Amino acid sequence: ARATEGSIEVFGHDVVSGYRAARQLVGLVPQEINFDPFFTPVESLMIQSGLMGVEPNEERALELLRTFALEDHKDAYTRQLSGGMKRRLLVAKALVHRPKLLFLDEPTAGVDVELRKELWTEVRRLRDEGTTIVLTTHYLEEAEELADRIGILRKGELIVVEDRDTMMARGKGAKNLEEIY
């Protein structure tokens, strides 16, 4: 979409005039699976590197496949991967160029408990290393567990954004976000 007014910067880079620099700082894990089913996971990561303006690096690709327990499937066509494996590959693609800002759109929707916990571990690690993460989720438990700040949308309108601990304290005895809202 084209802006009708205002501007957006990503770490000081205008998204219009400095779009290449801005784009290289951002990783995106979409809700929908969106890769070519005829490439292998290694090929997908190598292609993604190039698309993000980074020299394709097989060592980096293999490191990410190990991180997301996909190394044994590195040479399989992506169409042969399970749903959970495809979700992990999407996360790996978003991280291949080491972004400073990562958008995760419903990353654990429809995944099993084990994969969900693995993704939570990786999100925490990335956050601790300095990556800014914007997580959209319908799972309030996930927001409680991972977020430093929480924003709540209702009918497309942002009704509150605040520190997780402040939000929890406002709940006056509520055990979790679900009880608060």
N, C-alpha and C. Protein backbone atom coordinates (compact mmCIF):
# COMPACT_ATOMS: atom_id res chain seq x y z
N ALA A 1 0.84 -1.18 0.00
CA ALA A 1 0.00 0.00 0.00
C ALA A 1 0.88 1.24 0.00
N ARG A 2 0.43 2.24 -0.65
CA ARG A 2 1.16 3.51 -0.68
C ARG A 2 0.63 4.41 0.44
N ALA A 3 1.56 5.04 1.12
CA ALA A 3 1.19 5.96 2.20
C ALA A 3 0.48 7.18 1.62
N THR A 4 -0.56 7.61 2.28
CA THR A 4 -1.25 8.84 1.88
C THR A 4 -0.69 10.04 2.64
N GLU A 5 -0.05 9.77 3.76
CA GLU A 5 0.60 10.82 4.53
C GLU A 5 1.55 10.18 5.52
N GLY A 6 2.45 10.99 6.06
CA GLY A 6 3.39 10.52 7.06
C GLY A 6 4.53 9.69 6.46
N SER A 7 5.31 9.12 7.33
CA SER A 7 6.43 8.30 6.89
C SER A 7 6.70 7.22 7.93
N ILE A 8 7.44 6.22 7.51
CA ILE A 8 7.83 5.11 8.40
C ILE A 8 9.32 4.91 8.24
N GLU A 9 9.98 4.75 9.37
CA GLU A 9 11.40 4.42 9.36
C GLU A 9 11.63 3.13 10.12
N VAL A 10 12.59 2.36 9.65
CA VAL A 10 13.02 1.14 10.34
C VAL A 10 14.48 1.38 10.72
N PHE A 11 14.71 1.57 12.01
CA PHE A 11 16.05 1.84 12.52
C PHE A 11 16.74 2.95 11.71
N GLY A 12 16.00 4.04 11.47
CA GLY A 12 16.56 5.20 10.80
C GLY A 12 16.51 5.17 9.28
N HIS A 13 15.98 4.12 8.69
CA HIS A 13 15.91 4.01 7.22
C HIS A 13 14.46 4.18 6.77
N ASP A 14 14.22 5.19 5.94
CA ASP A 14 12.89 5.43 5.40
C ASP A 14 12.49 4.24 4.53
N VAL A 15 11.27 3.74 4.71
CA VAL A 15 10.84 2.55 3.98
C VAL A 15 10.55 2.82 2.51
N VAL A 16 10.51 4.08 2.10
CA VAL A 16 10.32 4.41 0.69
C VAL A 16 11.67 4.75 0.05
N SER A 17 12.33 5.78 0.55
CA SER A 17 13.59 6.21 -0.08
C SER A 17 14.75 5.27 0.26
N GLY A 18 14.68 4.60 1.39
CA GLY A 18 15.75 3.67 1.78
C GLY A 18 15.22 2.26 1.94
N TYR A 19 14.33 1.87 1.02
CA TYR A 19 13.62 0.60 1.19
C TYR A 19 14.55 -0.61 1.26
N ARG A 20 15.63 -0.61 0.52
CA ARG A 20 16.53 -1.78 0.55
C ARG A 20 17.15 -1.94 1.94
N ALA A 21 17.65 -0.85 2.48
CA ALA A 21 18.26 -0.90 3.81
C ALA A 21 17.21 -1.27 4.86
N ALA A 22 16.03 -0.68 4.75
CA ALA A 22 14.96 -0.98 5.71
C ALA A 22 14.55 -2.45 5.62
N ARG A 23 14.39 -2.95 4.41
CA ARG A 23 13.95 -4.33 4.20
C ARG A 23 14.97 -5.34 4.74
N GLN A 24 16.25 -5.02 4.64
CA GLN A 24 17.28 -5.94 5.12
C GLN A 24 17.27 -6.06 6.64
N LEU A 25 16.64 -5.13 7.31
CA LEU A 25 16.60 -5.15 8.78
C LEU A 25 15.38 -5.89 9.31
N VAL A 26 14.48 -6.30 8.41
CA VAL A 26 13.20 -6.88 8.82
C VAL A 26 13.09 -8.33 8.38
N GLY A 27 12.61 -9.17 9.31
CA GLY A 27 12.25 -10.55 8.98
C GLY A 27 10.75 -10.71 9.20
N LEU A 28 10.11 -11.53 8.38
CA LEU A 28 8.67 -11.72 8.48
C LEU A 28 8.33 -13.20 8.42
N VAL A 29 7.57 -13.64 9.42
CA VAL A 29 7.01 -14.99 9.40
C VAL A 29 5.51 -14.82 9.23
N PRO A 30 5.02 -15.02 7.99
CA PRO A 30 3.59 -14.83 7.76
C PRO A 30 2.77 -15.98 8.35
N GLN A 31 1.51 -15.74 8.51
CA GLN A 31 0.62 -16.77 9.03
C GLN A 31 0.46 -17.91 8.02
N GLU A 32 0.41 -17.55 6.75
CA GLU A 32 0.22 -18.54 5.70
C GLU A 32 1.56 -19.05 5.20
N ILE A 33 1.63 -20.31 4.89
CA ILE A 33 2.86 -20.91 4.34
C ILE A 33 3.01 -20.43 2.91
N ASN A 34 4.22 -19.92 2.58
CA ASN A 34 4.39 -19.27 1.28
C ASN A 34 5.76 -19.54 0.66
N PHE A 35 6.07 -20.78 0.39
CA PHE A 35 7.31 -21.02 -0.33
C PHE A 35 7.08 -22.03 -1.44
N ASP A 36 8.04 -22.06 -2.35
CA ASP A 36 7.93 -22.93 -3.51
C ASP A 36 8.11 -24.38 -3.07
N PRO A 37 7.14 -25.24 -3.36
CA PRO A 37 7.21 -26.63 -2.90
C PRO A 37 8.25 -27.48 -3.63
N PHE A 38 8.87 -26.92 -4.67
CA PHE A 38 9.81 -27.70 -5.46
C PHE A 38 11.27 -27.45 -5.09
N PHE A 39 11.49 -26.63 -4.05
CA PHE A 39 12.84 -26.42 -3.55
C PHE A 39 13.02 -27.19 -2.25
N THR A 40 14.25 -27.49 -1.94
CA THR A 40 14.57 -28.12 -0.66
C THR A 40 14.68 -27.02 0.39
N PRO A 41 14.67 -27.35 1.67
CA PRO A 41 14.87 -26.33 2.70
C PRO A 41 16.19 -25.56 2.52
N VAL A 42 17.26 -26.24 2.19
CA VAL A 42 18.54 -25.55 1.98
C VAL A 42 18.41 -24.57 0.82
N GLU A 43 17.83 -25.01 -0.29
CA GLU A 43 17.66 -24.12 -1.43
C GLU A 43 16.78 -22.93 -1.08
N SER A 44 15.72 -23.17 -0.33
CA SER A 44 14.82 -22.09 0.08
C SER A 44 15.56 -21.03 0.88
N LEU A 45 16.41 -21.47 1.80
CA LEU A 45 17.16 -20.53 2.62
C LEU A 45 18.22 -19.78 1.81
N MET A 46 18.84 -20.46 0.87
CA MET A 46 19.84 -19.81 0.02
C MET A 46 19.18 -18.75 -0.86
N ILE A 47 18.04 -19.07 -1.42
CA ILE A 47 17.30 -18.11 -2.25
C ILE A 47 16.86 -16.92 -1.40
N GLN A 48 16.33 -17.20 -0.22
CA GLN A 48 15.88 -16.12 0.67
C GLN A 48 17.04 -15.20 1.03
N SER A 49 18.21 -15.74 1.26
CA SER A 49 19.38 -14.91 1.55
C SER A 49 19.60 -13.91 0.43
N GLY A 50 19.62 -14.40 -0.79
CA GLY A 50 19.82 -13.52 -1.94
C GLY A 50 18.74 -12.48 -2.06
N LEU A 51 17.50 -12.87 -1.81
CA LEU A 51 16.39 -11.91 -1.89
C LEU A 51 16.52 -10.81 -0.85
N MET A 52 17.15 -11.14 0.28
CA MET A 52 17.32 -10.17 1.35
C MET A 52 18.62 -9.38 1.23
N GLY A 53 19.33 -9.57 0.13
CA GLY A 53 20.54 -8.80 -0.11
C GLY A 53 21.77 -9.30 0.63
N VAL A 54 21.71 -10.55 1.05
CA VAL A 54 22.83 -11.15 1.77
C VAL A 54 23.41 -12.26 0.90
N GLU A 55 24.72 -12.34 0.88
CA GLU A 55 25.38 -13.40 0.12
C GLU A 55 24.91 -14.76 0.63
N PRO A 56 24.34 -15.61 -0.22
CA PRO A 56 23.90 -16.93 0.22
C PRO A 56 25.05 -17.69 0.89
N ASN A 57 24.74 -18.28 2.04
CA ASN A 57 25.75 -18.93 2.86
C ASN A 57 25.20 -20.27 3.33
N GLU A 58 25.71 -21.34 2.75
CA GLU A 58 25.20 -22.67 3.09
C GLU A 58 25.43 -23.01 4.56
N GLU A 59 26.53 -22.54 5.13
CA GLU A 59 26.79 -22.80 6.55
C GLU A 59 25.71 -22.18 7.42
N ARG A 60 25.30 -20.95 7.11
CA ARG A 60 24.22 -20.28 7.83
C ARG A 60 22.91 -21.03 7.65
N ALA A 61 22.64 -21.49 6.42
CA ALA A 61 21.43 -22.24 6.15
C ALA A 61 21.39 -23.52 6.98
N LEU A 62 22.48 -24.23 7.03
CA LEU A 62 22.54 -25.48 7.81
C LEU A 62 22.42 -25.22 9.30
N GLU A 63 22.99 -24.11 9.76
CA GLU A 63 22.87 -23.72 11.17
C GLU A 63 21.40 -23.52 11.54
N LEU A 64 20.67 -22.82 10.68
CA LEU A 64 19.24 -22.60 10.94
C LEU A 64 18.45 -23.90 10.87
N LEU A 65 18.78 -24.76 9.95
CA LEU A 65 18.09 -26.05 9.86
C LEU A 65 18.34 -26.88 11.12
N ARG A 66 19.55 -26.81 11.66
CA ARG A 66 19.83 -27.50 12.93
C ARG A 66 19.01 -26.88 14.06
N THR A 67 18.99 -25.57 14.12
CA THR A 67 18.26 -24.86 15.16
C THR A 67 16.79 -25.28 15.19
N PHE A 68 16.22 -25.47 14.01
CA PHE A 68 14.79 -25.79 13.93
C PHE A 68 14.51 -27.25 13.63
N ALA A 69 15.48 -28.11 13.95
CA ALA A 69 15.32 -29.56 13.82
C ALA A 69 14.87 -29.98 12.42
N LEU A 70 15.47 -29.36 11.41
CA LEU A 70 15.15 -29.69 10.02
C LEU A 70 16.35 -30.26 9.27
N GLU A 71 17.46 -30.42 9.95
CA GLU A 71 18.68 -30.84 9.28
C GLU A 71 18.52 -32.18 8.57
N ASP A 72 17.79 -33.10 9.17
CA ASP A 72 17.58 -34.41 8.53
C ASP A 72 16.72 -34.32 7.28
N HIS A 73 16.06 -33.19 7.07
CA HIS A 73 15.17 -33.01 5.92
C HIS A 73 15.70 -31.95 4.95
N LYS A 74 16.97 -31.61 5.06
CA LYS A 74 17.53 -30.51 4.29
C LYS A 74 17.45 -30.74 2.79
N ASP A 75 17.42 -32.01 2.35
CA ASP A 75 17.40 -32.30 0.92
C ASP A 75 16.04 -32.77 0.42
N ALA A 76 15.04 -32.76 1.29
CA ALA A 76 13.68 -33.13 0.88
C ALA A 76 13.01 -31.94 0.23
N TYR A 77 12.10 -32.18 -0.69
CA TYR A 77 11.32 -31.06 -1.23
C TYR A 77 10.41 -30.53 -0.13
N THR A 78 10.23 -29.23 -0.09
CA THR A 78 9.44 -28.64 0.98
C THR A 78 8.00 -29.14 0.98
N ARG A 79 7.50 -29.55 -0.16
CA ARG A 79 6.12 -30.07 -0.20
C ARG A 79 5.98 -31.37 0.58
N GLN A 80 7.13 -32.05 0.86
CA GLN A 80 7.10 -33.31 1.60
C GLN A 80 7.18 -33.11 3.11
N LEU A 81 7.38 -31.88 3.56
CA LEU A 81 7.50 -31.60 4.98
C LEU A 81 6.13 -31.59 5.65
N SER A 82 6.10 -31.93 6.92
CA SER A 82 4.86 -31.85 7.69
C SER A 82 4.52 -30.38 7.90
N GLY A 83 3.32 -30.11 8.38
CA GLY A 83 2.90 -28.73 8.64
C GLY A 83 3.81 -28.04 9.64
N GLY A 84 4.17 -28.75 10.71
CA GLY A 84 5.07 -28.17 11.71
C GLY A 84 6.45 -27.87 11.14
N MET A 85 6.94 -28.75 10.29
CA MET A 85 8.25 -28.52 9.66
C MET A 85 8.19 -27.31 8.73
N LYS A 86 7.09 -27.18 8.01
CA LYS A 86 6.93 -26.01 7.13
C LYS A 86 6.92 -24.73 7.95
N ARG A 87 6.26 -24.75 9.09
CA ARG A 87 6.21 -23.58 9.97
C ARG A 87 7.62 -23.23 10.44
N ARG A 88 8.41 -24.24 10.83
CA ARG A 88 9.79 -24.01 11.27
C ARG A 88 10.63 -23.42 10.14
N LEU A 89 10.41 -23.92 8.92
CA LEU A 89 11.16 -23.41 7.78
C LEU A 89 10.82 -21.93 7.52
N LEU A 90 9.57 -21.55 7.72
CA LEU A 90 9.20 -20.14 7.57
C LEU A 90 9.98 -19.26 8.55
N VAL A 91 10.12 -19.74 9.77
CA VAL A 91 10.87 -18.98 10.77
C VAL A 91 12.34 -18.90 10.36
N ALA A 92 12.89 -20.01 9.92
CA ALA A 92 14.29 -20.02 9.46
C ALA A 92 14.49 -19.03 8.31
N LYS A 93 13.56 -19.01 7.36
CA LYS A 93 13.66 -18.07 6.24
C LYS A 93 13.68 -16.62 6.73
N ALA A 94 12.86 -16.34 7.72
CA ALA A 94 12.79 -14.97 8.23
C ALA A 94 14.07 -14.56 8.95
N LEU A 95 14.84 -15.55 9.41
CA LEU A 95 16.04 -15.26 10.20
C LEU A 95 17.33 -15.38 9.41
N VAL A 96 17.26 -15.83 8.18
CA VAL A 96 18.46 -16.16 7.41
C VAL A 96 19.41 -14.97 7.28
N HIS A 97 18.89 -13.77 7.25
CA HIS A 97 19.71 -12.56 7.09
C HIS A 97 19.95 -11.82 8.40
N ARG A 98 19.63 -12.45 9.52
CA ARG A 98 19.83 -11.90 10.86
C ARG A 98 19.17 -10.52 11.03
N PRO A 99 17.85 -10.47 10.91
CA PRO A 99 17.15 -9.18 11.01
C PRO A 99 17.20 -8.61 12.42
N LYS A 100 17.09 -7.28 12.51
CA LYS A 100 17.02 -6.62 13.82
C LYS A 100 15.57 -6.51 14.30
N LEU A 101 14.62 -6.63 13.35
CA LEU A 101 13.20 -6.53 13.65
C LEU A 101 12.52 -7.74 13.03
N LEU A 102 11.80 -8.50 13.84
CA LEU A 102 11.15 -9.73 13.37
C LEU A 102 9.66 -9.66 13.65
N PHE A 103 8.86 -9.83 12.59
CA PHE A 103 7.41 -9.90 12.72
C PHE A 103 6.99 -11.37 12.67
N LEU A 104 6.28 -11.81 13.69
CA LEU A 104 5.76 -13.18 13.76
C LEU A 104 4.24 -13.11 13.78
N ASP A 105 3.62 -13.53 12.69
CA ASP A 105 2.17 -13.49 12.59
C ASP A 105 1.60 -14.87 12.88
N GLU A 106 1.07 -15.02 14.07
CA GLU A 106 0.48 -16.30 14.50
C GLU A 106 1.44 -17.49 14.26
N PRO A 107 2.67 -17.41 14.77
CA PRO A 107 3.66 -18.44 14.45
C PRO A 107 3.34 -19.83 14.99
N THR A 108 2.50 -19.90 16.02
CA THR A 108 2.20 -21.22 16.59
C THR A 108 0.79 -21.70 16.29
N ALA A 109 0.10 -21.02 15.39
CA ALA A 109 -1.26 -21.44 15.04
C ALA A 109 -1.21 -22.83 14.40
N GLY A 110 -1.93 -23.74 14.98
CA GLY A 110 -2.05 -25.08 14.42
C GLY A 110 -0.84 -25.97 14.58
N VAL A 111 0.08 -25.62 15.49
CA VAL A 111 1.25 -26.48 15.68
C VAL A 111 1.12 -27.25 16.99
N ASP A 112 1.87 -28.34 17.08
CA ASP A 112 1.79 -29.15 18.29
C ASP A 112 2.53 -28.49 19.45
N VAL A 113 2.32 -29.02 20.64
CA VAL A 113 2.87 -28.44 21.87
C VAL A 113 4.40 -28.40 21.83
N GLU A 114 5.02 -29.45 21.33
CA GLU A 114 6.49 -29.51 21.28
C GLU A 114 7.05 -28.39 20.40
N LEU A 115 6.49 -28.22 19.22
CA LEU A 115 6.96 -27.18 18.32
C LEU A 115 6.70 -25.81 18.92
N ARG A 116 5.58 -25.63 19.55
CA ARG A 116 5.26 -24.36 20.18
C ARG A 116 6.31 -23.98 21.22
N LYS A 117 6.69 -24.94 22.05
CA LYS A 117 7.71 -24.67 23.07
C LYS A 117 9.08 -24.40 22.44
N GLU A 118 9.40 -25.11 21.35
CA GLU A 118 10.67 -24.86 20.65
C GLU A 118 10.69 -23.44 20.09
N LEU A 119 9.58 -23.01 19.50
CA LEU A 119 9.51 -21.66 18.96
C LEU A 119 9.60 -20.62 20.07
N TRP A 120 8.98 -20.88 21.20
CA TRP A 120 9.06 -19.96 22.33
C TRP A 120 10.51 -19.81 22.78
N THR A 121 11.23 -20.93 22.84
CA THR A 121 12.64 -20.90 23.24
C THR A 121 13.45 -20.04 22.28
N GLU A 122 13.21 -20.22 20.99
CA GLU A 122 13.94 -19.45 19.98
C GLU A 122 13.57 -17.98 20.05
N VAL A 123 12.32 -17.65 20.26
CA VAL A 123 11.89 -16.25 20.38
C VAL A 123 12.58 -15.60 21.57
N ARG A 124 12.63 -16.29 22.70
CA ARG A 124 13.31 -15.76 23.88
C ARG A 124 14.79 -15.50 23.59
N ARG A 125 15.43 -16.46 22.92
CA ARG A 125 16.86 -16.33 22.61
C ARG A 125 17.09 -15.10 21.71
N LEU A 126 16.27 -14.96 20.68
CA LEU A 126 16.39 -13.82 19.78
C LEU A 126 16.18 -12.50 20.52
N ARG A 127 15.18 -12.46 21.37
CA ARG A 127 14.91 -11.25 22.17
C ARG A 127 16.12 -10.92 23.05
N ASP A 128 16.66 -11.95 23.71
CA ASP A 128 17.80 -11.74 24.60
C ASP A 128 19.04 -11.27 23.84
N GLU A 129 19.13 -11.62 22.56
CA GLU A 129 20.26 -11.19 21.73
C GLU A 129 20.04 -9.81 21.12
N GLY A 130 18.87 -9.20 21.37
CA GLY A 130 18.64 -7.84 20.91
C GLY A 130 17.70 -7.68 19.74
N THR A 131 17.13 -8.75 19.24
CA THR A 131 16.16 -8.63 18.14
C THR A 131 14.85 -8.09 18.69
N THR A 132 14.30 -7.09 18.03
CA THR A 132 12.98 -6.59 18.38
C THR A 132 11.96 -7.49 17.70
N ILE A 133 11.00 -7.98 18.48
CA ILE A 133 10.03 -8.94 17.94
C ILE A 133 8.62 -8.38 18.13
N VAL A 134 7.87 -8.39 17.03
CA VAL A 134 6.46 -8.04 17.07
C VAL A 134 5.71 -9.35 16.81
N LEU A 135 4.97 -9.78 17.82
CA LEU A 135 4.26 -11.06 17.77
C LEU A 135 2.76 -10.81 17.76
N THR A 136 2.08 -11.34 16.75
CA THR A 136 0.62 -11.31 16.78
C THR A 136 0.15 -12.70 17.16
N THR A 137 -0.79 -12.75 18.09
CA THR A 137 -1.28 -14.04 18.54
C THR A 137 -2.68 -13.90 19.13
N HIS A 138 -3.45 -14.96 18.99
CA HIS A 138 -4.74 -15.04 19.66
C HIS A 138 -4.60 -15.76 20.99
N TYR A 139 -3.43 -16.34 21.22
CA TYR A 139 -3.18 -17.11 22.44
C TYR A 139 -2.64 -16.18 23.52
N LEU A 140 -3.49 -15.81 24.46
CA LEU A 140 -3.08 -14.88 25.50
C LEU A 140 -1.95 -15.44 26.35
N GLU A 141 -1.94 -16.75 26.54
CA GLU A 141 -0.86 -17.40 27.29
C GLU A 141 0.49 -17.13 26.61
N GLU A 142 0.49 -17.14 25.29
CA GLU A 142 1.71 -16.89 24.53
C GLU A 142 2.19 -15.45 24.74
N ALA A 143 1.28 -14.51 24.72
CA ALA A 143 1.63 -13.11 24.96
C ALA A 143 2.18 -12.93 26.37
N GLU A 144 1.52 -13.55 27.34
CA GLU A 144 2.00 -13.49 28.72
C GLU A 144 3.41 -14.03 28.86
N GLU A 145 3.66 -15.13 28.21
CA GLU A 145 4.93 -15.83 28.33
C GLU A 145 6.08 -15.11 27.63
N LEU A 146 5.81 -14.49 26.48
CA LEU A 146 6.89 -13.99 25.64
C LEU A 146 7.04 -12.47 25.60
N ALA A 147 5.98 -11.76 25.85
CA ALA A 147 6.00 -10.32 25.59
C ALA A 147 6.53 -9.51 26.76
N ASP A 148 7.24 -8.44 26.43
CA ASP A 148 7.62 -7.43 27.41
C ASP A 148 6.52 -6.37 27.48
N ARG A 149 5.95 -6.06 26.31
CA ARG A 149 4.83 -5.13 26.20
C ARG A 149 3.72 -5.81 25.42
N ILE A 150 2.49 -5.49 25.76
CA ILE A 150 1.34 -6.12 25.11
C ILE A 150 0.39 -5.04 24.61
N GLY A 151 -0.06 -5.24 23.39
CA GLY A 151 -1.10 -4.38 22.82
C GLY A 151 -2.33 -5.24 22.57
N ILE A 152 -3.48 -4.71 22.88
CA ILE A 152 -4.73 -5.45 22.69
C ILE A 152 -5.55 -4.73 21.62
N LEU A 153 -5.97 -5.49 20.61
CA LEU A 153 -6.84 -4.97 19.56
C LEU A 153 -8.26 -5.48 19.79
N ARG A 154 -9.22 -4.60 19.59
CA ARG A 154 -10.63 -5.01 19.62
C ARG A 154 -11.30 -4.38 18.42
N LYS A 155 -11.86 -5.23 17.55
CA LYS A 155 -12.53 -4.77 16.34
C LYS A 155 -11.64 -3.85 15.52
N GLY A 156 -10.36 -4.21 15.43
CA GLY A 156 -9.42 -3.46 14.62
C GLY A 156 -8.88 -2.19 15.25
N GLU A 157 -9.26 -1.91 16.49
CA GLU A 157 -8.80 -0.70 17.17
C GLU A 157 -7.88 -1.09 18.32
N LEU A 158 -6.74 -0.42 18.40
CA LEU A 158 -5.79 -0.65 19.48
C LEU A 158 -6.33 0.00 20.74
N ILE A 159 -6.69 -0.81 21.73
CA ILE A 159 -7.32 -0.24 22.93
C ILE A 159 -6.35 -0.04 24.08
N VAL A 160 -5.23 -0.76 24.08
CA VAL A 160 -4.24 -0.58 25.14
C VAL A 160 -2.89 -1.13 24.68
N VAL A 161 -1.83 -0.46 25.09
CA VAL A 161 -0.47 -0.95 24.93
C VAL A 161 0.25 -0.62 26.22
N GLU A 162 0.76 -1.65 26.88
CA GLU A 162 1.52 -1.38 28.09
C GLU A 162 2.41 -2.55 28.46
N ASP A 163 3.28 -2.28 29.40
CA ASP A 163 4.18 -3.28 29.92
C ASP A 163 3.38 -4.47 30.45
N ARG A 164 3.85 -5.67 30.15
CA ARG A 164 3.13 -6.88 30.58
C ARG A 164 2.88 -6.90 32.09
N ASP A 165 3.91 -6.58 32.87
CA ASP A 165 3.75 -6.64 34.32
C ASP A 165 2.75 -5.61 34.83
N THR A 166 2.74 -4.43 34.21
CA THR A 166 1.77 -3.40 34.57
C THR A 166 0.36 -3.89 34.24
N MET A 167 0.22 -4.48 33.08
CA MET A 167 -1.09 -4.99 32.67
C MET A 167 -1.57 -6.08 33.63
N MET A 168 -0.67 -6.96 34.00
CA MET A 168 -1.05 -8.05 34.91
C MET A 168 -1.42 -7.48 36.29
N ALA A 169 -0.70 -6.46 36.75
CA ALA A 169 -0.98 -5.86 38.05
C ALA A 169 -2.35 -5.18 38.06
N ARG A 170 -2.75 -4.64 36.92
CA ARG A 170 -4.07 -4.00 36.82
C ARG A 170 -5.20 -4.99 37.00
N GLY A 171 -4.88 -6.28 36.80
CA GLY A 171 -5.91 -7.31 36.86
C GLY A 171 -6.42 -7.59 38.26
N LYS A 172 -5.84 -6.99 39.28
CA LYS A 172 -6.30 -7.12 40.67
C LYS A 172 -6.65 -8.56 41.03
N GLY A 173 -5.64 -9.39 41.08
CA GLY A 173 -5.85 -10.78 41.50
C GLY A 173 -6.08 -11.75 40.35
N ALA A 174 -6.21 -11.25 39.14
CA ALA A 174 -6.38 -12.16 38.00
C ALA A 174 -5.10 -12.95 37.81
N LYS A 175 -5.25 -14.21 37.47
CA LYS A 175 -4.10 -15.09 37.30
C LYS A 175 -3.44 -14.97 35.94
N ASN A 176 -4.22 -14.49 34.94
CA ASN A 176 -3.68 -14.41 33.60
C ASN A 176 -4.45 -13.36 32.79
N LEU A 177 -3.94 -13.11 31.57
CA LEU A 177 -4.57 -12.10 30.71
C LEU A 177 -6.00 -12.43 30.35
N GLU A 178 -6.27 -13.69 30.18
CA GLU A 178 -7.64 -14.08 29.83
C GLU A 178 -8.63 -13.65 30.89
N GLU A 179 -8.26 -13.74 32.16
CA GLU A 179 -9.14 -13.30 33.24
C GLU A 179 -9.28 -11.78 33.25
N ILE A 180 -8.22 -11.07 32.85
CA ILE A 180 -8.26 -9.61 32.82
C ILE A 180 -9.21 -9.14 31.73
N TYR A 181 -9.14 -9.81 30.55
CA TYR A 181 -9.97 -9.37 29.43
C TYR A 181 -11.04 -10.38 29.14
